[in-house]
Amino acid sequence: LNPHLDYSRHPKLGLQRRLNLIIYV
């Protein structure tokens, strides 16, 4: 996955992405 920025606005809710939580399993 190349370096990138997550998109800013949620496509359906119009809210702004703020946090990403990832859990490795």
PDB file of all heavy atoms in Angstrom:
ATOM      1  N   LEU A   1       0.864  -1.176   0.000  1.00  0.00           N
ATOM      2  CA  LEU A   1       0.000   0.000   0.000  1.00  0.00           C
ATOM      3  C   LEU A   1       0.900   1.225   0.000  1.00  0.00           C
ATOM      4  O   LEU A   1       1.607   1.493   0.971  1.00  0.00           O
ATOM      5  CB  LEU A   1      -0.921   0.009   1.227  1.00  0.00           C
ATOM      6  CG  LEU A   1      -1.837   1.216   1.399  1.00  0.00           C
ATOM      7  CD1 LEU A   1      -2.788   1.346   0.221  1.00  0.00           C
ATOM      8  CD2 LEU A   1      -2.607   1.105   2.707  1.00  0.00           C
ATOM      9  N   ASN A   2       0.912   1.966  -1.086  1.00  0.00           N
ATOM     10  CA  ASN A   2       1.794   3.119  -1.208  1.00  0.00           C
ATOM     11  C   ASN A   2       1.457   4.196  -0.171  1.00  0.00           C
ATOM     12  O   ASN A   2       0.302   4.303   0.268  1.00  0.00           O
ATOM     13  CB  ASN A   2       1.704   3.711  -2.612  1.00  0.00           C
ATOM     14  CG  ASN A   2       2.393   2.853  -3.655  1.00  0.00           C
ATOM     15  OD1 ASN A   2       3.051   1.865  -3.330  1.00  0.00           O
ATOM     16  ND2 ASN A   2       2.230   3.211  -4.918  1.00  0.00           N
ATOM     17  N   PRO A   3       2.446   5.011   0.228  1.00  0.00           N
ATOM     18  CA  PRO A   3       2.163   6.114   1.153  1.00  0.00           C
ATOM     19  C   PRO A   3       1.043   6.994   0.616  1.00  0.00           C
ATOM     20  O   PRO A   3       1.038   7.369  -0.557  1.00  0.00           O
ATOM     21  CB  PRO A   3       3.498   6.872   1.213  1.00  0.00           C
ATOM     22  CG  PRO A   3       4.520   5.831   0.896  1.00  0.00           C
ATOM     23  CD  PRO A   3       3.883   4.942  -0.129  1.00  0.00           C
ATOM     24  N   HIS A   4       0.116   7.339   1.484  1.00  0.00           N
ATOM     25  CA  HIS A   4      -1.063   8.067   1.052  1.00  0.00           C
ATOM     26  C   HIS A   4      -1.668   8.809   2.240  1.00  0.00           C
ATOM     27  O   HIS A   4      -1.311   8.564   3.403  1.00  0.00           O
ATOM     28  CB  HIS A   4      -2.107   7.109   0.465  1.00  0.00           C
ATOM     29  CG  HIS A   4      -2.677   6.172   1.481  1.00  0.00           C
ATOM     30  ND1 HIS A   4      -1.958   5.093   1.977  1.00  0.00           N
ATOM     31  CD2 HIS A   4      -3.881   6.141   2.134  1.00  0.00           C
ATOM     32  CE1 HIS A   4      -2.695   4.447   2.868  1.00  0.00           C
ATOM     33  NE2 HIS A   4      -3.857   5.068   2.989  1.00  0.00           N
ATOM     34  N   LEU A   5      -2.612   9.676   1.955  1.00  0.00           N
ATOM     35  CA  LEU A   5      -3.444  10.315   2.961  1.00  0.00           C
ATOM     36  C   LEU A   5      -4.840   9.726   2.864  1.00  0.00           C
ATOM     37  O   LEU A   5      -5.370   9.560   1.760  1.00  0.00           O
ATOM     38  CB  LEU A   5      -3.518  11.827   2.743  1.00  0.00           C
ATOM     39  CG  LEU A   5      -2.207  12.616   2.832  1.00  0.00           C
ATOM     40  CD1 LEU A   5      -2.469  14.074   2.479  1.00  0.00           C
ATOM     41  CD2 LEU A   5      -1.588  12.502   4.218  1.00  0.00           C
ATOM     42  N   ASP A   6      -5.442   9.400   3.994  1.00  0.00           N
ATOM     43  CA  ASP A   6      -6.833   8.965   3.963  1.00  0.00           C
ATOM     44  C   ASP A   6      -7.709  10.127   3.526  1.00  0.00           C
ATOM     45  O   ASP A   6      -7.439  11.287   3.852  1.00  0.00           O
ATOM     46  CB  ASP A   6      -7.265   8.490   5.354  1.00  0.00           C
ATOM     47  CG  ASP A   6      -6.606   7.174   5.739  1.00  0.00           C
ATOM     48  OD1 ASP A   6      -6.335   6.370   4.832  1.00  0.00           O
ATOM     49  OD2 ASP A   6      -6.361   6.968   6.936  1.00  0.00           O
ATOM     50  N   TYR A   7      -8.778   9.803   2.788  1.00  0.00           N
ATOM     51  CA  TYR A   7      -9.644  10.887   2.328  1.00  0.00           C
ATOM     52  C   TYR A   7     -10.259  11.600   3.523  1.00  0.00           C
ATOM     53  O   TYR A   7     -10.443  11.020   4.596  1.00  0.00           O
ATOM     54  CB  TYR A   7     -10.708  10.369   1.379  1.00  0.00           C
ATOM     55  CG  TYR A   7     -11.659   9.341   1.957  1.00  0.00           C
ATOM     56  CD1 TYR A   7     -12.700   9.713   2.802  1.00  0.00           C
ATOM     57  CD2 TYR A   7     -11.528   7.998   1.634  1.00  0.00           C
ATOM     58  CE1 TYR A   7     -13.572   8.788   3.318  1.00  0.00           C
ATOM     59  CE2 TYR A   7     -12.403   7.056   2.152  1.00  0.00           C
ATOM     60  CZ  TYR A   7     -13.425   7.456   2.986  1.00  0.00           C
ATOM     61  OH  TYR A   7     -14.287   6.524   3.497  1.00  0.00           O
ATOM     62  N   SER A   8     -10.569  12.885   3.324  1.00  0.00           N
ATOM     63  CA  SER A   8     -10.960  13.727   4.437  1.00  0.00           C
ATOM     64  C   SER A   8     -12.424  13.555   4.839  1.00  0.00           C
ATOM     65  O   SER A   8     -12.738  13.461   6.022  1.00  0.00           O
ATOM     66  CB  SER A   8     -10.701  15.195   4.095  1.00  0.00           C
ATOM     67  OG  SER A   8     -11.101  16.040   5.153  1.00  0.00           O
ATOM     68  N   ARG A   9     -13.339  13.539   3.877  1.00  0.00           N
ATOM     69  CA  ARG A   9     -14.763  13.504   4.182  1.00  0.00           C
ATOM     70  C   ARG A   9     -15.343  12.113   3.958  1.00  0.00           C
ATOM     71  O   ARG A   9     -15.058  11.468   2.955  1.00  0.00           O
ATOM     72  CB  ARG A   9     -15.509  14.512   3.304  1.00  0.00           C
ATOM     73  CG  ARG A   9     -15.134  15.974   3.519  1.00  0.00           C
ATOM     74  CD  ARG A   9     -15.549  16.471   4.905  1.00  0.00           C
ATOM     75  NE  ARG A   9     -15.180  17.864   5.111  1.00  0.00           N
ATOM     76  CZ  ARG A   9     -16.010  18.882   4.858  1.00  0.00           C
ATOM     77  NH1 ARG A   9     -17.226  18.652   4.394  1.00  0.00           N
ATOM     78  NH2 ARG A   9     -15.609  20.129   5.060  1.00  0.00           N
ATOM     79  N   HIS A  10     -16.185  11.693   4.894  1.00  0.00           N
ATOM     80  CA  HIS A  10     -16.906  10.440   4.737  1.00  0.00           C
ATOM     81  C   HIS A  10     -17.876  10.584   3.567  1.00  0.00           C
ATOM     82  O   HIS A  10     -18.604  11.581   3.472  1.00  0.00           O
ATOM     83  CB  HIS A  10     -17.670  10.119   6.022  1.00  0.00           C
ATOM     84  CG  HIS A  10     -18.234   8.743   6.072  1.00  0.00           C
ATOM     85  ND1 HIS A  10     -19.365   8.391   5.362  1.00  0.00           N
ATOM     86  CD2 HIS A  10     -17.843   7.628   6.737  1.00  0.00           C
ATOM     87  CE1 HIS A  10     -19.646   7.115   5.597  1.00  0.00           C
ATOM     88  NE2 HIS A  10     -18.734   6.628   6.420  1.00  0.00           N
ATOM     89  N   PRO A  11     -17.925   9.623   2.644  1.00  0.00           N
ATOM     90  CA  PRO A  11     -18.708   9.800   1.421  1.00  0.00           C
ATOM     91  C   PRO A  11     -20.217   9.835   1.643  1.00  0.00           C
ATOM     92  O   PRO A  11     -20.941  10.337   0.779  1.00  0.00           O
ATOM     93  CB  PRO A  11     -18.315   8.585   0.576  1.00  0.00           C
ATOM     94  CG  PRO A  11     -17.860   7.564   1.559  1.00  0.00           C
ATOM     95  CD  PRO A  11     -17.190   8.348   2.654  1.00  0.00           C
ATOM     96  N   LYS A  12     -20.706   9.342   2.758  1.00  0.00           N
ATOM     97  CA  LYS A  12     -22.149   9.324   2.991  1.00  0.00           C
ATOM     98  C   LYS A  12     -22.589  10.219   4.140  1.00  0.00           C
ATOM     99  O   LYS A  12     -23.673  10.792   4.094  1.00  0.00           O
ATOM    100  CB  LYS A  12     -22.622   7.882   3.243  1.00  0.00           C
ATOM    101  CG  LYS A  12     -22.413   6.961   2.042  1.00  0.00           C
ATOM    102  CD  LYS A  12     -23.017   5.607   2.288  1.00  0.00           C
ATOM    103  CE  LYS A  12     -22.789   4.687   1.083  1.00  0.00           C
ATOM    104  NZ  LYS A  12     -23.469   5.174  -0.140  1.00  0.00           N
ATOM    105  N   LEU A  13     -21.755  10.349   5.167  1.00  0.00           N
ATOM    106  CA  LEU A  13     -22.146  11.114   6.342  1.00  0.00           C
ATOM    107  C   LEU A  13     -21.713  12.569   6.288  1.00  0.00           C
ATOM    108  O   LEU A  13     -22.227  13.393   7.033  1.00  0.00           O
ATOM    109  CB  LEU A  13     -21.560  10.453   7.607  1.00  0.00           C
ATOM    110  CG  LEU A  13     -22.013   9.014   7.873  1.00  0.00           C
ATOM    111  CD1 LEU A  13     -21.304   8.461   9.112  1.00  0.00           C
ATOM    112  CD2 LEU A  13     -23.521   8.946   8.064  1.00  0.00           C
ATOM    113  N   GLY A  14     -20.732  12.880   5.446  1.00  0.00           N
ATOM    114  CA  GLY A  14     -20.244  14.251   5.360  1.00  0.00           C
ATOM    115  C   GLY A  14     -19.369  14.662   6.523  1.00  0.00           C
ATOM    116  O   GLY A  14     -18.943  15.811   6.607  1.00  0.00           O
ATOM    117  N   LEU A  15     -19.095  13.739   7.449  1.00  0.00           N
ATOM    118  CA  LEU A  15     -18.220  14.034   8.568  1.00  0.00           C
ATOM    119  C   LEU A  15     -16.766  13.877   8.149  1.00  0.00           C
ATOM    120  O   LEU A  15     -16.459  13.291   7.119  1.00  0.00           O
ATOM    121  CB  LEU A  15     -18.529  13.098   9.737  1.00  0.00           C
ATOM    122  CG  LEU A  15     -19.930  13.230  10.344  1.00  0.00           C
ATOM    123  CD1 LEU A  15     -20.167  12.146  11.387  1.00  0.00           C
ATOM    124  CD2 LEU A  15     -20.120  14.612  10.960  1.00  0.00           C
ATOM    125  N   GLN A  16     -15.880  14.389   8.959  1.00  0.00           N
ATOM    126  CA  GLN A  16     -14.450  14.346   8.664  1.00  0.00           C
ATOM    127  C   GLN A  16     -13.803  13.160   9.359  1.00  0.00           C
ATOM    128  O   GLN A  16     -14.050  12.893  10.533  1.00  0.00           O
ATOM    129  CB  GLN A  16     -13.778  15.631   9.138  1.00  0.00           C
ATOM    130  CG  GLN A  16     -12.306  15.739   8.789  1.00  0.00           C
ATOM    131  CD  GLN A  16     -11.718  17.078   9.203  1.00  0.00           C
ATOM    132  OE1 GLN A  16     -12.367  17.853   9.899  1.00  0.00           O
ATOM    133  NE2 GLN A  16     -10.512  17.354   8.785  1.00  0.00           N
ATOM    134  N   ARG A  17     -12.979  12.409   8.641  1.00  0.00           N
ATOM    135  CA  ARG A  17     -12.205  11.357   9.277  1.00  0.00           C
ATOM    136  C   ARG A  17     -11.216  11.983  10.243  1.00  0.00           C
ATOM    137  O   ARG A  17     -10.509  12.920   9.905  1.00  0.00           O
ATOM    138  CB  ARG A  17     -11.434  10.561   8.228  1.00  0.00           C
ATOM    139  CG  ARG A  17     -12.206   9.424   7.601  1.00  0.00           C
ATOM    140  CD  ARG A  17     -11.299   8.647   6.698  1.00  0.00           C
ATOM    141  NE  ARG A  17     -11.913   7.420   6.216  1.00  0.00           N
ATOM    142  CZ  ARG A  17     -11.308   6.562   5.420  1.00  0.00           C
ATOM    143  NH1 ARG A  17     -10.068   6.790   5.024  1.00  0.00           N
ATOM    144  NH2 ARG A  17     -11.919   5.468   5.024  1.00  0.00           N
ATOM    145  N   ARG A  18     -11.142  11.405  11.440  1.00  0.00           N
ATOM    146  CA  ARG A  18     -10.210  11.954  12.430  1.00  0.00           C
ATOM    147  C   ARG A  18      -9.201  10.917  12.914  1.00  0.00           C
ATOM    148  O   ARG A  18      -8.016  11.209  13.045  1.00  0.00           O
ATOM    149  CB  ARG A  18     -10.987  12.512  13.625  1.00  0.00           C
ATOM    150  CG  ARG A  18     -10.097  13.051  14.767  1.00  0.00           C
ATOM    151  CD  ARG A  18      -9.282  14.248  14.318  1.00  0.00           C
ATOM    152  NE  ARG A  18      -8.271  14.601  15.295  1.00  0.00           N
ATOM    153  CZ  ARG A  18      -8.412  15.510  16.244  1.00  0.00           C
ATOM    154  NH1 ARG A  18      -9.553  16.140  16.383  1.00  0.00           N
ATOM    155  NH2 ARG A  18      -7.423  15.789  17.059  1.00  0.00           N
ATOM    156  N   LEU A  19      -9.665   9.700  13.220  1.00  0.00           N
ATOM    157  CA  LEU A  19      -8.781   8.680  13.770  1.00  0.00           C
ATOM    158  C   LEU A  19      -8.889   7.381  12.988  1.00  0.00           C
ATOM    159  O   LEU A  19      -9.952   7.036  12.481  1.00  0.00           O
ATOM    160  CB  LEU A  19      -9.135   8.383  15.236  1.00  0.00           C
ATOM    161  CG  LEU A  19      -9.089   9.515  16.248  1.00  0.00           C
ATOM    162  CD1 LEU A  19      -9.509   8.988  17.613  1.00  0.00           C
ATOM    163  CD2 LEU A  19      -7.706  10.134  16.311  1.00  0.00           C
ATOM    164  N   ASN A  20      -7.784   6.651  12.945  1.00  0.00           N
ATOM    165  CA  ASN A  20      -7.754   5.297  12.392  1.00  0.00           C
ATOM    166  C   ASN A  20      -7.188   4.373  13.459  1.00  0.00           C
ATOM    167  O   ASN A  20      -6.123   4.636  14.008  1.00  0.00           O
ATOM    168  CB  ASN A  20      -6.880   5.266  11.132  1.00  0.00           C
ATOM    169  CG  ASN A  20      -6.939   3.924  10.411  1.00  0.00           C
ATOM    170  OD1 ASN A  20      -7.646   3.012  10.814  1.00  0.00           O
ATOM    171  ND2 ASN A  20      -6.201   3.817   9.321  1.00  0.00           N
ATOM    172  N   LEU A  21      -7.925   3.312  13.773  1.00  0.00           N
ATOM    173  CA  LEU A  21      -7.455   2.290  14.706  1.00  0.00           C
ATOM    174  C   LEU A  21      -7.269   0.989  13.943  1.00  0.00           C
ATOM    175  O   LEU A  21      -8.190   0.501  13.296  1.00  0.00           O
ATOM    176  CB  LEU A  21      -8.466   2.090  15.838  1.00  0.00           C
ATOM    177  CG  LEU A  21      -8.169   0.945  16.821  1.00  0.00           C
ATOM    178  CD1 LEU A  21      -6.877   1.212  17.588  1.00  0.00           C
ATOM    179  CD2 LEU A  21      -9.336   0.748  17.787  1.00  0.00           C
ATOM    180  N   ILE A  22      -6.056   0.429  14.001  1.00  0.00           N
ATOM    181  CA  ILE A  22      -5.714  -0.818  13.326  1.00  0.00           C
ATOM    182  C   ILE A  22      -5.260  -1.825  14.377  1.00  0.00           C
ATOM    183  O   ILE A  22      -4.479  -1.487  15.273  1.00  0.00           O
ATOM    184  CB  ILE A  22      -4.585  -0.606  12.300  1.00  0.00           C
ATOM    185  CG1 ILE A  22      -4.954   0.491  11.289  1.00  0.00           C
ATOM    186  CG2 ILE A  22      -4.278  -1.912  11.555  1.00  0.00           C
ATOM    187  CD1 ILE A  22      -3.795   0.899  10.394  1.00  0.00           C
ATOM    188  N   ILE A  23      -5.730  -3.070  14.257  1.00  0.00           N
ATOM    189  CA  ILE A  23      -5.330  -4.144  15.170  1.00  0.00           C
ATOM    190  C   ILE A  23      -4.796  -5.295  14.325  1.00  0.00           C
ATOM    191  O   ILE A  23      -5.497  -5.814  13.451  1.00  0.00           O
ATOM    192  CB  ILE A  23      -6.516  -4.628  16.020  1.00  0.00           C
ATOM    193  CG1 ILE A  23      -7.199  -3.452  16.729  1.00  0.00           C
ATOM    194  CG2 ILE A  23      -6.051  -5.672  17.039  1.00  0.00           C
ATOM    195  CD1 ILE A  23      -8.545  -3.801  17.328  1.00  0.00           C
ATOM    196  N   TYR A  24      -3.563  -5.710  14.591  1.00  0.00           N
ATOM    197  CA  TYR A  24      -2.926  -6.773  13.812  1.00  0.00           C
ATOM    198  C   TYR A  24      -3.166  -8.126  14.483  1.00  0.00           C
ATOM    199  O   TYR A  24      -2.970  -8.272  15.694  1.00  0.00           O
ATOM    200  CB  TYR A  24      -1.427  -6.500  13.668  1.00  0.00           C
ATOM    201  CG  TYR A  24      -1.145  -5.223  12.921  1.00  0.00           C
ATOM    202  CD1 TYR A  24      -0.681  -4.096  13.582  1.00  0.00           C
ATOM    203  CD2 TYR A  24      -1.380  -5.136  11.552  1.00  0.00           C
ATOM    204  CE1 TYR A  24      -0.447  -2.909  12.903  1.00  0.00           C
ATOM    205  CE2 TYR A  24      -1.148  -3.957  10.860  1.00  0.00           C
ATOM    206  CZ  TYR A  24      -0.686  -2.852  11.538  1.00  0.00           C
ATOM    207  OH  TYR A  24      -0.455  -1.679  10.865  1.00  0.00           O
ATOM    208  N   VAL A  25      -3.553  -9.127  13.676  1.00  0.00           N
ATOM    209  CA  VAL A  25      -3.992 -10.400  14.257  1.00  0.00           C
ATOM    210  C   VAL A  25      -3.354 -11.616  13.584  1.00  0.00           C
ATOM    211  O   VAL A  25      -3.929 -12.695  13.586  1.00  0.00           O
ATOM    212  CB  VAL A  25      -5.540 -10.505  14.215  1.00  0.00           C
ATOM    213  CG1 VAL A  25      -6.179  -9.470  15.129  1.00  0.00           C
ATOM    214  CG2 VAL A  25      -6.074 -10.361  12.792  1.00  0.00           C
TER     215      VAL A  25
END
